[in-house]
Amino acid sequence: MGKVPEWRRVAGLRVVMTWPQAGCAPPPRAPGSLRASAAGLAGVLLIMAGATAAGIAIASQVHAPQPSAAAAGAVGANAHGPWLRRSLPVSVDIPAIGVHSRLMHLGVNSRGAIEVPPLFTHADQAAWYKYSATPGQIGASIIVGHVDTVAGPAVFFRLGALRPGNRVDVTLADGVTAIFRVIGVREYLKSRFPAKTIYRATHFAALHLITCGGAFDYRTRNYLSSIVVFAALASSRSAGI
């Protein structure tokens, strides 16, 4: 792969691009980690290669929406809530921010980092981490997506605009749609990313959506934070309903 120029212009605007060297969230150390004790995740600070997209650097400092303090909400929910049997996810819809995406199923790369959709060909598509619970199962299901590219907003550009109560629908291979409700939206510095909170097993059907956010470091060309949306299964519907 040839050298990528540091500066480009999109629609006449000068942009600065981050090559995918730093990630939106430190990942589990190994595929089996989500099924193991949360203790195995403590202190994990690996970099998720490929998850950082391009930071748009224009004079007016246009940034993706960031979570407000009022949206922090909760990271846990009722352990006696609904749950679904295992079924692979097909797509995700988030009406409040206009997201509709087919879901890639990705694992980890050779360095043990969570794979993400290719930046320049699938930035408009989100991915389910295939070693996490399937959406609706008891446990934490993880979906990641890019925030932006040199061409503009990516699939999760407006993720930080979500608020508690917003709906996230995940269509499953068995025809059931898992309907989640956002319970909290938070921003974490990557240097202080709470891996145990994000990846550990839960006693309810949880969904965690992750993208990059916060300040953009023009020296390293990386976002300094991760935005995490916490959601809990509220209900479900069968195909045709």
Protein backbone atom coordinates (compact mmCIF):
# COMPACT_ATOMS: atom_id res chain seq x y z
CA MET A 1 0.00 0.00 0.00
CA GLY A 2 1.48 3.35 -1.03
CA LYS A 3 2.08 6.27 1.25
CA VAL A 4 -1.10 8.15 2.09
CA PRO A 5 -0.76 11.93 1.88
CA GLU A 6 -1.22 13.70 5.19
CA TRP A 7 -3.36 16.49 3.73
CA ARG A 8 -6.19 16.28 1.26
CA ARG A 9 -9.05 18.44 0.07
CA VAL A 10 -12.67 17.33 0.02
CA ALA A 11 -15.16 19.60 -1.71
CA GLY A 12 -12.53 22.32 -1.58
CA LEU A 13 -11.97 21.94 2.19
CA ARG A 14 -8.65 21.03 3.70
CA VAL A 15 -8.88 17.89 5.83
CA VAL A 16 -6.47 16.00 8.01
CA MET A 17 -6.63 12.25 7.90
CA THR A 18 -5.83 9.70 10.56
CA TRP A 19 -4.48 6.50 9.14
CA PRO A 20 -6.13 3.66 11.09
CA GLN A 21 -3.43 3.17 13.72
CA ALA A 22 -5.37 3.98 16.86
CA GLY A 23 -8.78 2.79 17.83
CA CYS A 24 -12.06 3.85 19.33
CA ALA A 25 -11.89 1.36 22.16
CA PRO A 26 -9.25 -0.89 23.71
CA PRO A 27 -10.45 -4.42 22.84
CA PRO A 28 -10.60 -7.67 24.77
CA ARG A 29 -7.28 -9.50 24.77
CA ALA A 30 -8.61 -12.67 23.13
CA PRO A 31 -11.83 -13.92 21.44
CA GLY A 32 -12.87 -15.90 24.49
CA SER A 33 -12.57 -12.98 26.86
CA LEU A 34 -16.22 -11.95 26.70
CA ARG A 35 -17.24 -15.36 27.91
CA ALA A 36 -14.64 -15.38 30.65
CA SER A 37 -14.39 -13.54 33.94
CA ALA A 38 -14.36 -9.77 33.80
CA ALA A 39 -11.09 -9.90 35.68
CA GLY A 40 -9.41 -11.08 32.51
CA LEU A 41 -10.23 -7.75 30.94
CA ALA A 42 -8.92 -5.51 33.69
CA GLY A 43 -6.12 -3.27 32.53
CA VAL A 44 -6.48 -4.15 28.86
CA LEU A 45 -5.24 -1.13 26.92
CA LEU A 46 -4.54 -2.58 23.50
CA ILE A 47 -5.19 -0.32 20.53
CA MET A 48 -8.02 -1.34 18.19
CA ALA A 49 -6.35 -1.05 14.80
CA GLY A 50 -8.53 0.37 12.09
CA ALA A 51 -11.28 1.91 14.18
CA THR A 52 -10.16 5.51 14.08
CA ALA A 53 -11.50 7.26 11.02
CA ALA A 54 -10.54 10.59 9.57
CA GLY A 55 -10.80 13.80 11.56
CA ILE A 56 -12.27 16.63 9.53
CA ALA A 57 -10.17 19.74 10.15
CA ILE A 58 -11.84 22.79 8.80
CA ALA A 59 -11.59 26.30 10.13
CA SER A 60 -14.93 26.16 11.92
CA GLN A 61 -13.96 22.91 13.70
CA VAL A 62 -16.89 20.77 12.58
CA HIS A 63 -17.13 17.78 14.89
CA ALA A 64 -19.50 14.90 15.41
CA PRO A 65 -22.04 15.44 18.21
CA GLN A 66 -20.63 14.69 21.66
CA PRO A 67 -22.62 13.26 24.59
CA SER A 68 -24.00 15.77 27.05
CA ALA A 69 -23.78 15.33 30.80
CA ALA A 70 -27.55 14.90 30.84
CA ALA A 71 -27.26 11.84 28.58
CA ALA A 72 -24.81 9.95 30.82
CA GLY A 73 -27.62 7.85 32.27
CA ALA A 74 -26.75 4.33 33.41
CA VAL A 75 -24.49 1.51 32.29
CA GLY A 76 -26.56 -1.30 33.80
CA ALA A 77 -30.19 -2.39 33.77
CA ASN A 78 -32.69 -4.75 35.38
CA ALA A 79 -31.30 -8.28 35.51
CA HIS A 80 -34.85 -9.60 35.11
CA GLY A 81 -35.49 -7.95 31.75
CA PRO A 82 -36.38 -9.78 28.52
CA TRP A 83 -33.91 -11.85 26.55
CA LEU A 84 -33.73 -13.70 23.23
CA ARG A 85 -32.20 -16.93 22.04
CA ARG A 86 -28.95 -16.77 20.10
CA SER A 87 -29.33 -15.56 16.52
CA LEU A 88 -26.76 -13.74 14.41
CA PRO A 89 -27.43 -10.04 13.75
CA VAL A 90 -28.19 -8.89 10.21
CA SER A 91 -28.69 -5.13 10.46
CA VAL A 92 -29.00 -2.22 12.87
CA ASP A 93 -31.42 0.73 12.73
CA ILE A 94 -31.26 3.83 14.94
CA PRO A 95 -34.18 6.07 13.89
CA ALA A 96 -33.23 9.07 16.05
CA ILE A 97 -29.97 9.60 14.14
CA GLY A 98 -30.94 8.16 10.76
CA VAL A 99 -28.76 5.05 10.88
CA HIS A 100 -29.57 1.98 8.82
CA SER A 101 -26.72 -0.43 8.28
CA ARG A 102 -26.14 -4.03 7.39
CA LEU A 103 -23.83 -5.58 9.97
CA MET A 104 -20.50 -7.13 9.18
CA HIS A 105 -19.36 -9.94 11.49
CA LEU A 106 -15.76 -9.33 12.51
CA GLY A 107 -13.36 -10.81 15.04
CA VAL A 108 -9.81 -9.89 15.96
CA ASN A 109 -6.71 -9.27 13.90
CA SER A 110 -3.26 -10.79 14.29
CA ARG A 111 -2.42 -8.30 17.02
CA GLY A 112 -5.46 -9.23 19.10
CA ALA A 113 -7.30 -6.02 18.25
CA ILE A 114 -10.98 -5.91 17.29
CA GLU A 115 -11.41 -5.72 13.54
CA VAL A 116 -13.52 -2.91 12.12
CA PRO A 117 -15.02 -2.27 8.68
CA PRO A 118 -12.45 -1.17 6.08
CA LEU A 119 -12.17 2.59 6.38
CA PHE A 120 -12.19 3.51 2.70
CA THR A 121 -14.72 0.96 1.42
CA HIS A 122 -17.17 0.27 4.26
CA ALA A 123 -17.15 3.33 6.51
CA ASP A 124 -20.93 3.51 6.07
CA GLN A 125 -21.35 0.07 7.59
CA ALA A 126 -21.22 -1.04 11.23
CA ALA A 127 -19.84 -4.31 12.52
CA TRP A 128 -20.84 -6.75 15.25
CA TYR A 129 -17.97 -8.20 17.27
CA LYS A 130 -18.57 -11.90 16.67
CA TYR A 131 -17.07 -13.04 19.97
CA SER A 132 -19.62 -11.05 21.96
CA ALA A 133 -23.17 -12.09 22.76
CA THR A 134 -25.64 -11.89 19.91
CA PRO A 135 -28.04 -8.94 20.37
CA GLY A 136 -30.78 -9.97 22.78
CA GLN A 137 -28.81 -12.71 24.51
CA ILE A 138 -27.94 -12.30 28.17
CA GLY A 139 -24.55 -10.58 28.05
CA ALA A 140 -22.91 -7.65 26.32
CA SER A 141 -23.28 -7.47 22.54
CA ILE A 142 -20.75 -5.13 20.91
CA ILE A 143 -21.26 -3.13 17.70
CA VAL A 144 -18.59 -0.74 16.39
CA GLY A 145 -18.51 1.79 13.57
CA HIS A 146 -16.45 4.67 12.21
CA VAL A 147 -17.30 8.27 13.04
CA ASP A 148 -15.97 9.94 9.87
CA THR A 149 -13.62 9.70 6.89
CA VAL A 150 -11.85 12.12 4.59
CA ALA A 151 -15.07 12.21 2.57
CA GLY A 152 -17.27 13.21 5.50
CA PRO A 153 -19.49 11.56 8.13
CA ALA A 154 -19.43 7.78 8.54
CA VAL A 155 -22.06 5.41 9.91
CA PHE A 156 -21.78 6.44 13.58
CA PHE A 157 -21.10 10.15 13.06
CA ARG A 158 -24.12 11.17 15.17
CA LEU A 159 -23.88 8.42 17.79
CA GLY A 160 -23.04 10.98 20.47
CA ALA A 161 -26.38 12.71 19.86
CA LEU A 162 -28.36 9.78 21.26
CA ARG A 163 -30.21 10.18 24.54
CA PRO A 164 -31.67 7.75 27.08
CA GLY A 165 -34.93 6.37 25.74
CA ASN A 166 -33.89 6.40 22.07
CA ARG A 167 -34.51 3.13 20.24
CA VAL A 168 -31.97 0.83 18.62
CA ASP A 169 -33.39 -2.01 16.51
CA VAL A 170 -31.24 -5.00 15.56
CA THR A 171 -32.69 -7.43 13.02
CA LEU A 172 -31.60 -11.03 13.58
CA ALA A 173 -31.17 -13.94 11.19
CA ASP A 174 -34.19 -15.77 12.65
CA GLY A 175 -36.47 -12.90 11.59
CA VAL A 176 -36.83 -11.41 15.07
CA THR A 177 -36.03 -7.73 15.64
CA ALA A 178 -34.47 -7.01 19.02
CA ILE A 179 -35.67 -3.62 20.26
CA PHE A 180 -33.25 -1.89 22.62
CA ARG A 181 -33.64 1.35 24.55
CA VAL A 182 -30.66 3.57 25.25
CA ILE A 183 -29.96 3.86 28.97
CA GLY A 184 -26.78 5.95 28.84
CA VAL A 185 -24.33 7.69 26.49
CA ARG A 186 -20.82 8.38 27.72
CA GLU A 187 -17.45 9.61 26.51
CA TYR A 188 -14.25 8.02 27.79
CA LEU A 189 -10.64 9.00 27.25
CA LYS A 190 -8.95 6.10 25.52
CA SER A 191 -6.23 6.24 28.15
CA ARG A 192 -8.90 5.57 30.79
CA PHE A 193 -11.20 3.29 28.84
CA PRO A 194 -13.23 1.13 31.30
CA ALA A 195 -12.75 -2.23 29.61
CA LYS A 196 -14.42 -4.17 32.42
CA THR A 197 -17.55 -2.03 32.16
CA ILE A 198 -17.77 -2.30 28.38
CA TYR A 199 -16.85 -5.94 27.76
CA ARG A 200 -17.69 -7.84 30.92
CA ALA A 201 -20.56 -10.31 31.06
CA THR A 202 -23.84 -8.78 32.17
CA HIS A 203 -26.92 -10.30 33.79
CA PHE A 204 -29.24 -8.73 31.24
CA ALA A 205 -29.41 -8.39 27.45
CA ALA A 206 -27.09 -5.44 26.86
CA LEU A 207 -25.99 -3.69 23.66
CA HIS A 208 -22.94 -1.43 23.54
CA LEU A 209 -22.32 0.76 20.48
CA ILE A 210 -18.84 2.25 20.14
CA THR A 211 -17.21 4.90 17.95
CA CYS A 212 -14.48 7.54 18.22
CA GLY A 213 -15.10 10.98 19.65
CA GLY A 214 -13.88 13.79 21.81
CA ALA A 215 -10.94 15.99 20.92
CA PHE A 216 -8.91 15.34 17.79
CA ASP A 217 -5.13 15.31 18.21
CA TYR A 218 -3.65 16.91 15.09
CA ARG A 219 -0.16 15.77 16.04
CA THR A 220 -0.98 12.06 16.18
CA ARG A 221 -4.03 12.41 13.91
CA ASN A 222 -6.18 10.39 16.30
CA TYR A 223 -9.30 10.95 18.34
CA LEU A 224 -8.53 10.94 22.03
CA SER A 225 -11.79 9.49 23.28
CA SER A 226 -14.38 6.82 22.67
CA ILE A 227 -18.14 7.33 22.68
CA VAL A 228 -20.09 4.40 24.10
CA VAL A 229 -23.86 4.01 23.96
CA PHE A 230 -25.31 1.65 26.56
CA ALA A 231 -28.65 0.05 25.72
CA ALA A 232 -30.84 -2.70 27.17
CA LEU A 233 -33.30 -5.02 25.47
CA ALA A 234 -36.81 -3.66 25.92
CA SER A 235 -38.87 -5.92 23.66
CA SER A 236 -38.85 -7.75 20.33
CA ARG A 237 -41.03 -8.35 17.32
CA SER A 238 -41.27 -11.12 14.78
CA ALA A 239 -40.97 -10.68 11.03
CA GLY A 240 -44.05 -9.11 9.43
CA ILE A 241 -45.30 -7.50 12.64
